[in-house]
Amino acid sequence: MESFARVLSVSELPPGSKKAVEVNGKSVLICNSNDRLYAVSNICSHAQERLECGRMSRGWIGCPVHGARFDLQTGRALNPPATQPIATFRLRIIEGWIEVLVADPGAAGTASAAGTASAAGTAGAAAKPEVSPGEAAQSGD
């Protein structure tokens, strides 16, 4: 079953910051870049290193090992040595909390967004942080 998981308060993620969280056994990086929130895999598709230590700027995150950059909205690899995208995840803001949608790996019949930026349910990975309480940040549909 897929469900949104509450991961952290919007106030814990000021502009220009990022924070790694665990959701259903996956390391997810929540980023606040360009006045938008993004949820992406915390693992580089090339070097298998954690992206939380990488540089973030203007809607991209860079791998700290070889400098590969990934688009935070789509997960697309922007430069070599990475050629494969990173996973993106839908998120929403409910009553001041950031919630992320990651498929439960133990549930039968669910599609996982991990491993590909074009997997079902990955559209709309970004959300404006200034959404009013109780309102979904972006439907993604």
N, C-alpha and C. Protein backbone atom coordinates (compact mmCIF):
# COMPACT_ATOMS: atom_id res chain seq x y z
N MET A 1 0.83 -1.18 0.00
CA MET A 1 0.00 0.00 0.00
C MET A 1 0.87 1.24 0.00
N GLU A 2 0.49 2.22 -0.78
CA GLU A 2 1.20 3.49 -0.79
C GLU A 2 0.51 4.46 0.14
N SER A 3 1.29 5.16 0.92
CA SER A 3 0.72 6.20 1.78
C SER A 3 1.79 7.26 2.03
N PHE A 4 1.33 8.46 2.32
CA PHE A 4 2.24 9.54 2.64
C PHE A 4 2.75 9.35 4.06
N ALA A 5 4.04 9.57 4.25
CA ALA A 5 4.67 9.48 5.57
C ALA A 5 5.12 10.87 6.00
N ARG A 6 4.76 11.26 7.20
CA ARG A 6 5.18 12.54 7.77
C ARG A 6 6.66 12.43 8.09
N VAL A 7 7.48 13.36 7.56
CA VAL A 7 8.92 13.24 7.76
C VAL A 7 9.53 14.36 8.59
N LEU A 8 9.10 15.59 8.40
CA LEU A 8 9.61 16.69 9.21
C LEU A 8 8.76 17.93 9.04
N SER A 9 8.92 18.84 9.96
CA SER A 9 8.20 20.11 9.92
C SER A 9 8.81 21.02 8.86
N VAL A 10 7.96 21.79 8.20
CA VAL A 10 8.45 22.75 7.20
C VAL A 10 9.47 23.70 7.85
N SER A 11 9.26 24.04 9.10
CA SER A 11 10.17 24.97 9.79
C SER A 11 11.57 24.38 10.00
N GLU A 12 11.72 23.07 9.89
CA GLU A 12 13.03 22.42 10.04
C GLU A 12 13.86 22.48 8.76
N LEU A 13 13.29 23.02 7.67
CA LEU A 13 13.98 23.01 6.39
C LEU A 13 13.97 24.42 5.79
N PRO A 14 14.82 25.31 6.28
CA PRO A 14 14.84 26.68 5.75
C PRO A 14 15.32 26.71 4.29
N PRO A 15 15.07 27.80 3.58
CA PRO A 15 15.52 27.91 2.18
C PRO A 15 17.01 27.61 2.05
N GLY A 16 17.34 26.85 1.01
CA GLY A 16 18.72 26.49 0.74
C GLY A 16 19.25 25.31 1.52
N SER A 17 18.38 24.65 2.29
CA SER A 17 18.83 23.52 3.10
C SER A 17 18.28 22.19 2.57
N LYS A 18 18.83 21.11 3.10
CA LYS A 18 18.39 19.76 2.74
C LYS A 18 18.52 18.88 3.96
N LYS A 19 17.73 17.81 3.99
CA LYS A 19 17.78 16.90 5.14
C LYS A 19 17.42 15.50 4.66
N ALA A 20 18.24 14.52 5.06
CA ALA A 20 17.98 13.13 4.72
C ALA A 20 17.05 12.52 5.75
N VAL A 21 16.09 11.73 5.26
CA VAL A 21 15.14 11.02 6.12
C VAL A 21 14.99 9.60 5.60
N GLU A 22 14.55 8.69 6.46
CA GLU A 22 14.26 7.31 6.05
C GLU A 22 12.75 7.16 5.91
N VAL A 23 12.30 6.65 4.77
CA VAL A 23 10.88 6.40 4.54
C VAL A 23 10.74 5.00 3.95
N ASN A 24 10.06 4.12 4.66
CA ASN A 24 9.87 2.74 4.20
C ASN A 24 11.17 2.09 3.76
N GLY A 25 12.22 2.31 4.52
CA GLY A 25 13.51 1.68 4.23
C GLY A 25 14.32 2.36 3.14
N LYS A 26 13.86 3.48 2.63
CA LYS A 26 14.59 4.20 1.59
C LYS A 26 15.14 5.50 2.16
N SER A 27 16.36 5.84 1.76
CA SER A 27 16.94 7.12 2.17
C SER A 27 16.48 8.17 1.18
N VAL A 28 15.70 9.13 1.68
CA VAL A 28 15.10 10.18 0.86
C VAL A 28 15.69 11.51 1.30
N LEU A 29 16.05 12.34 0.32
CA LEU A 29 16.59 13.66 0.60
C LEU A 29 15.51 14.70 0.33
N ILE A 30 15.16 15.46 1.37
CA ILE A 30 14.19 16.55 1.23
C ILE A 30 14.99 17.83 1.04
N CYS A 31 14.72 18.56 -0.04
CA CYS A 31 15.49 19.75 -0.38
C CYS A 31 14.58 20.97 -0.49
N ASN A 32 15.07 22.11 -0.03
CA ASN A 32 14.38 23.38 -0.17
C ASN A 32 15.26 24.24 -1.06
N SER A 33 14.92 24.29 -2.35
CA SER A 33 15.71 25.02 -3.33
C SER A 33 14.80 25.87 -4.19
N ASN A 34 15.17 27.10 -4.43
CA ASN A 34 14.39 28.01 -5.27
C ASN A 34 12.95 28.14 -4.80
N ASP A 35 12.75 28.24 -3.49
CA ASP A 35 11.43 28.40 -2.89
C ASP A 35 10.49 27.24 -3.17
N ARG A 36 11.05 26.07 -3.40
CA ARG A 36 10.26 24.86 -3.62
C ARG A 36 10.86 23.72 -2.81
N LEU A 37 10.01 22.77 -2.46
CA LEU A 37 10.46 21.58 -1.76
C LEU A 37 10.49 20.41 -2.73
N TYR A 38 11.50 19.57 -2.59
CA TYR A 38 11.68 18.41 -3.45
C TYR A 38 12.00 17.19 -2.59
N ALA A 39 11.60 16.02 -3.07
CA ALA A 39 11.95 14.76 -2.42
C ALA A 39 12.58 13.86 -3.48
N VAL A 40 13.85 13.51 -3.26
CA VAL A 40 14.59 12.68 -4.22
C VAL A 40 15.34 11.59 -3.47
N SER A 41 15.79 10.60 -4.21
CA SER A 41 16.64 9.57 -3.61
C SER A 41 17.90 10.22 -3.07
N ASN A 42 18.35 9.77 -1.94
CA ASN A 42 19.57 10.31 -1.33
C ASN A 42 20.81 9.59 -1.86
N ILE A 43 20.67 8.71 -2.83
CA ILE A 43 21.78 7.92 -3.34
C ILE A 43 22.06 8.26 -4.80
N CYS A 44 23.31 8.60 -5.10
CA CYS A 44 23.75 8.91 -6.46
C CYS A 44 23.61 7.67 -7.34
N SER A 45 23.06 7.84 -8.54
CA SER A 45 22.88 6.70 -9.44
C SER A 45 24.20 6.21 -10.04
N HIS A 46 25.25 7.00 -9.95
CA HIS A 46 26.55 6.61 -10.50
C HIS A 46 27.47 6.04 -9.42
N ALA A 47 27.70 6.80 -8.36
CA ALA A 47 28.70 6.40 -7.37
C ALA A 47 28.09 5.71 -6.14
N GLN A 48 26.76 5.62 -6.08
CA GLN A 48 26.09 5.00 -4.94
C GLN A 48 26.47 5.68 -3.62
N GLU A 49 26.77 6.97 -3.67
CA GLU A 49 27.12 7.76 -2.49
C GLU A 49 25.92 8.59 -2.05
N ARG A 50 25.91 8.99 -0.80
CA ARG A 50 24.82 9.81 -0.27
C ARG A 50 24.93 11.23 -0.81
N LEU A 51 23.81 11.71 -1.34
CA LEU A 51 23.77 13.06 -1.91
C LEU A 51 23.62 14.14 -0.85
N GLU A 52 23.27 13.78 0.37
CA GLU A 52 23.05 14.77 1.42
C GLU A 52 24.30 15.60 1.69
N CYS A 53 25.47 15.07 1.35
CA CYS A 53 26.73 15.80 1.56
C CYS A 53 27.11 16.64 0.33
N GLY A 54 26.32 16.55 -0.72
CA GLY A 54 26.63 17.26 -1.95
C GLY A 54 26.14 18.70 -1.96
N ARG A 55 26.60 19.44 -2.94
CA ARG A 55 26.21 20.84 -3.12
C ARG A 55 24.84 20.92 -3.78
N MET A 56 24.02 21.86 -3.33
CA MET A 56 22.70 22.07 -3.90
C MET A 56 22.61 23.52 -4.37
N SER A 57 22.12 23.72 -5.58
CA SER A 57 22.00 25.08 -6.11
C SER A 57 21.01 25.11 -7.26
N ARG A 58 20.21 26.14 -7.34
CA ARG A 58 19.32 26.42 -8.47
C ARG A 58 18.57 25.21 -9.01
N GLY A 59 18.03 24.39 -8.13
CA GLY A 59 17.21 23.27 -8.56
C GLY A 59 17.95 22.00 -8.89
N TRP A 60 19.21 21.88 -8.47
CA TRP A 60 19.95 20.64 -8.67
C TRP A 60 20.72 20.26 -7.41
N ILE A 61 21.06 18.98 -7.34
CA ILE A 61 21.89 18.46 -6.25
C ILE A 61 23.09 17.78 -6.89
N GLY A 62 24.27 17.98 -6.32
CA GLY A 62 25.49 17.39 -6.87
C GLY A 62 26.03 16.29 -5.98
N CYS A 63 26.55 15.26 -6.60
CA CYS A 63 27.19 14.17 -5.87
C CYS A 63 28.53 14.67 -5.32
N PRO A 64 28.82 14.42 -4.04
CA PRO A 64 30.07 14.90 -3.47
C PRO A 64 31.31 14.15 -3.95
N VAL A 65 31.14 13.01 -4.62
CA VAL A 65 32.29 12.20 -5.03
C VAL A 65 32.82 12.63 -6.40
N HIS A 66 32.00 12.55 -7.44
CA HIS A 66 32.46 12.86 -8.80
C HIS A 66 31.82 14.10 -9.40
N GLY A 67 30.93 14.76 -8.67
CA GLY A 67 30.34 16.00 -9.17
C GLY A 67 29.15 15.84 -10.10
N ALA A 68 28.63 14.63 -10.26
CA ALA A 68 27.44 14.45 -11.09
C ALA A 68 26.29 15.26 -10.48
N ARG A 69 25.52 15.92 -11.33
CA ARG A 69 24.41 16.73 -10.86
C ARG A 69 23.09 16.13 -11.33
N PHE A 70 22.06 16.31 -10.48
CA PHE A 70 20.74 15.78 -10.77
C PHE A 70 19.70 16.87 -10.60
N ASP A 71 18.75 16.93 -11.53
CA ASP A 71 17.63 17.87 -11.46
C ASP A 71 16.72 17.44 -10.32
N LEU A 72 16.42 18.35 -9.39
CA LEU A 72 15.59 18.00 -8.24
C LEU A 72 14.14 17.75 -8.62
N GLN A 73 13.64 18.35 -9.68
CA GLN A 73 12.25 18.15 -10.09
C GLN A 73 12.05 16.79 -10.76
N THR A 74 12.96 16.43 -11.66
CA THR A 74 12.77 15.22 -12.47
C THR A 74 13.68 14.06 -12.09
N GLY A 75 14.78 14.35 -11.40
CA GLY A 75 15.77 13.32 -11.08
C GLY A 75 16.77 13.08 -12.20
N ARG A 76 16.59 13.76 -13.33
CA ARG A 76 17.43 13.55 -14.52
C ARG A 76 18.90 13.88 -14.22
N ALA A 77 19.80 13.03 -14.71
CA ALA A 77 21.24 13.29 -14.60
C ALA A 77 21.57 14.44 -15.54
N LEU A 78 22.22 15.47 -15.03
CA LEU A 78 22.52 16.67 -15.82
C LEU A 78 23.90 16.66 -16.45
N ASN A 79 24.81 15.84 -15.92
CA ASN A 79 26.16 15.79 -16.49
C ASN A 79 26.84 14.48 -16.10
N PRO A 80 27.88 14.09 -16.88
CA PRO A 80 28.64 12.90 -16.54
C PRO A 80 29.38 13.11 -15.23
N PRO A 81 29.75 12.05 -14.56
CA PRO A 81 29.72 10.68 -15.04
C PRO A 81 28.37 9.99 -14.90
N ALA A 82 27.39 10.59 -14.24
CA ALA A 82 26.08 9.94 -14.11
C ALA A 82 25.33 9.98 -15.43
N THR A 83 24.70 8.88 -15.77
CA THR A 83 23.86 8.81 -16.96
C THR A 83 22.43 8.40 -16.61
N GLN A 84 22.24 7.81 -15.43
CA GLN A 84 20.93 7.36 -14.99
C GLN A 84 20.33 8.37 -14.01
N PRO A 85 19.00 8.53 -14.04
CA PRO A 85 18.35 9.47 -13.11
C PRO A 85 18.33 8.90 -11.69
N ILE A 86 18.01 9.76 -10.75
CA ILE A 86 17.71 9.32 -9.39
C ILE A 86 16.19 9.36 -9.23
N ALA A 87 15.69 8.60 -8.30
CA ALA A 87 14.25 8.56 -8.06
C ALA A 87 13.78 9.88 -7.46
N THR A 88 12.57 10.26 -7.83
CA THR A 88 11.90 11.40 -7.21
C THR A 88 10.63 10.89 -6.56
N PHE A 89 10.17 11.59 -5.55
CA PHE A 89 9.00 11.16 -4.80
C PHE A 89 8.03 12.32 -4.64
N ARG A 90 6.75 12.00 -4.69
CA ARG A 90 5.74 13.03 -4.45
C ARG A 90 5.81 13.45 -3.00
N LEU A 91 5.56 14.74 -2.78
CA LEU A 91 5.44 15.21 -1.41
C LEU A 91 4.30 16.20 -1.33
N ARG A 92 3.87 16.43 -0.11
CA ARG A 92 2.81 17.40 0.14
C ARG A 92 3.07 18.03 1.51
N ILE A 93 2.41 19.15 1.75
CA ILE A 93 2.51 19.81 3.04
C ILE A 93 1.12 19.80 3.66
N ILE A 94 1.03 19.23 4.83
CA ILE A 94 -0.22 19.14 5.58
C ILE A 94 0.01 19.73 6.97
N GLU A 95 -0.72 20.79 7.26
CA GLU A 95 -0.66 21.43 8.58
C GLU A 95 0.77 21.69 9.04
N GLY A 96 1.59 22.19 8.11
CA GLY A 96 2.97 22.55 8.45
C GLY A 96 3.96 21.41 8.44
N TRP A 97 3.52 20.21 8.06
CA TRP A 97 4.39 19.04 8.01
C TRP A 97 4.64 18.61 6.57
N ILE A 98 5.87 18.21 6.28
CA ILE A 98 6.21 17.65 4.97
C ILE A 98 5.94 16.16 5.02
N GLU A 99 5.17 15.69 4.04
CA GLU A 99 4.86 14.26 3.93
C GLU A 99 5.32 13.78 2.57
N VAL A 100 5.90 12.57 2.53
CA VAL A 100 6.46 12.00 1.32
C VAL A 100 5.76 10.70 1.00
N LEU A 101 5.49 10.48 -0.29
CA LEU A 101 4.87 9.24 -0.76
C LEU A 101 5.94 8.30 -1.28
N VAL A 102 6.16 7.21 -0.56
CA VAL A 102 7.10 6.17 -0.96
C VAL A 102 6.38 4.85 -0.80
N ALA A 103 6.41 4.02 -1.83
CA ALA A 103 5.74 2.73 -1.78
C ALA A 103 6.33 1.87 -0.67
N ASP A 104 5.48 1.15 0.04
CA ASP A 104 5.92 0.22 1.07
C ASP A 104 6.45 -1.02 0.36
N PRO A 105 7.74 -1.36 0.52
CA PRO A 105 8.31 -2.49 -0.21
C PRO A 105 7.68 -3.83 0.16
N GLY A 106 7.04 -3.92 1.31
CA GLY A 106 6.43 -5.17 1.74
C GLY A 106 5.01 -5.36 1.26
N ALA A 107 4.42 -4.34 0.64
CA ALA A 107 3.03 -4.43 0.20
C ALA A 107 2.95 -4.99 -1.21
N ALA A 108 2.09 -5.96 -1.40
CA ALA A 108 1.91 -6.57 -2.72
C ALA A 108 1.13 -5.64 -3.62
N GLY A 109 1.50 -5.63 -4.91
CA GLY A 109 0.74 -4.91 -5.91
C GLY A 109 0.97 -3.41 -5.93
N THR A 110 2.03 -2.92 -5.30
CA THR A 110 2.30 -1.49 -5.34
C THR A 110 3.46 -1.21 -6.25
N ALA A 111 3.44 -0.02 -6.86
CA ALA A 111 4.52 0.40 -7.73
C ALA A 111 5.45 1.29 -6.94
N SER A 112 6.73 1.07 -7.09
CA SER A 112 7.72 1.89 -6.40
C SER A 112 8.25 2.97 -7.32
N ALA A 113 8.45 4.15 -6.77
CA ALA A 113 9.00 5.26 -7.55
C ALA A 113 10.52 5.17 -7.60
N ALA A 114 11.12 4.29 -6.84
CA ALA A 114 12.57 4.22 -6.76
C ALA A 114 13.17 3.72 -8.07
N GLY A 115 14.33 4.26 -8.41
CA GLY A 115 15.10 3.75 -9.53
C GLY A 115 14.83 4.44 -10.85
N THR A 116 13.74 5.15 -10.98
CA THR A 116 13.46 5.82 -12.25
C THR A 116 12.65 7.07 -12.02
N ALA A 117 12.99 8.11 -12.70
CA ALA A 117 12.28 9.38 -12.55
C ALA A 117 10.95 9.36 -13.28
N SER A 118 10.72 8.36 -14.14
CA SER A 118 9.47 8.33 -14.88
C SER A 118 8.49 7.30 -14.34
N ALA A 119 8.79 6.71 -13.20
CA ALA A 119 7.90 5.71 -12.62
C ALA A 119 6.58 6.34 -12.19
N ALA A 120 5.56 5.53 -12.10
CA ALA A 120 4.25 6.02 -11.70
C ALA A 120 4.32 6.72 -10.36
N GLY A 121 3.64 7.85 -10.27
CA GLY A 121 3.55 8.57 -9.01
C GLY A 121 4.71 9.50 -8.72
N THR A 122 5.63 9.71 -9.65
CA THR A 122 6.76 10.58 -9.36
C THR A 122 6.53 12.00 -9.84
N ALA A 123 5.55 12.23 -10.67
CA ALA A 123 5.29 13.59 -11.13
C ALA A 123 4.89 14.45 -9.94
N GLY A 124 5.26 15.71 -9.99
CA GLY A 124 4.89 16.62 -8.92
C GLY A 124 5.72 16.42 -7.66
N ALA A 125 6.99 16.14 -7.81
CA ALA A 125 7.84 15.92 -6.65
C ALA A 125 8.13 17.21 -5.90
N ALA A 126 7.87 18.35 -6.52
CA ALA A 126 8.17 19.62 -5.87
C ALA A 126 6.91 20.24 -5.30
N ALA A 127 7.09 21.02 -4.27
CA ALA A 127 5.97 21.72 -3.66
C ALA A 127 6.42 23.07 -3.15
N LYS A 128 5.54 24.06 -3.27
CA LYS A 128 5.83 25.37 -2.69
C LYS A 128 5.73 25.25 -1.18
N PRO A 129 6.72 25.72 -0.42
CA PRO A 129 6.67 25.56 1.03
C PRO A 129 5.66 26.45 1.72
N GLU A 130 5.18 27.50 1.05
CA GLU A 130 4.29 28.42 1.73
C GLU A 130 2.81 28.07 1.57
N VAL A 131 2.48 26.80 1.45
CA VAL A 131 1.11 26.34 1.30
C VAL A 131 0.38 26.47 2.63
N SER A 132 -0.90 26.84 2.56
CA SER A 132 -1.67 26.99 3.79
C SER A 132 -1.89 25.63 4.44
N PRO A 133 -2.04 25.59 5.77
CA PRO A 133 -2.21 24.32 6.48
C PRO A 133 -3.38 23.52 5.93
N GLY A 134 -3.17 22.21 5.84
CA GLY A 134 -4.21 21.31 5.41
C GLY A 134 -4.37 21.20 3.90
N GLU A 135 -3.67 22.04 3.14
CA GLU A 135 -3.79 22.02 1.69
C GLU A 135 -2.62 21.27 1.09
N ALA A 136 -2.89 20.40 0.16
CA ALA A 136 -1.81 19.69 -0.53
C ALA A 136 -1.01 20.71 -1.33
N ALA A 137 0.31 20.57 -1.30
CA ALA A 137 1.18 21.55 -1.93
C ALA A 137 1.05 21.51 -3.45
N GLN A 138 0.95 20.34 -4.02
CA GLN A 138 0.82 20.20 -5.46
C GLN A 138 0.27 18.82 -5.72
N SER A 139 -0.74 18.71 -6.55
CA SER A 139 -1.37 17.40 -6.74
C SER A 139 -0.50 16.47 -7.53
N GLY A 140 0.25 16.99 -8.52
CA GLY A 140 1.11 16.13 -9.33
C GLY A 140 0.36 15.36 -10.38
N ASP A 141 -0.95 15.54 -10.48
CA ASP A 141 -1.73 14.81 -11.49
C ASP A 141 -2.01 15.67 -12.70
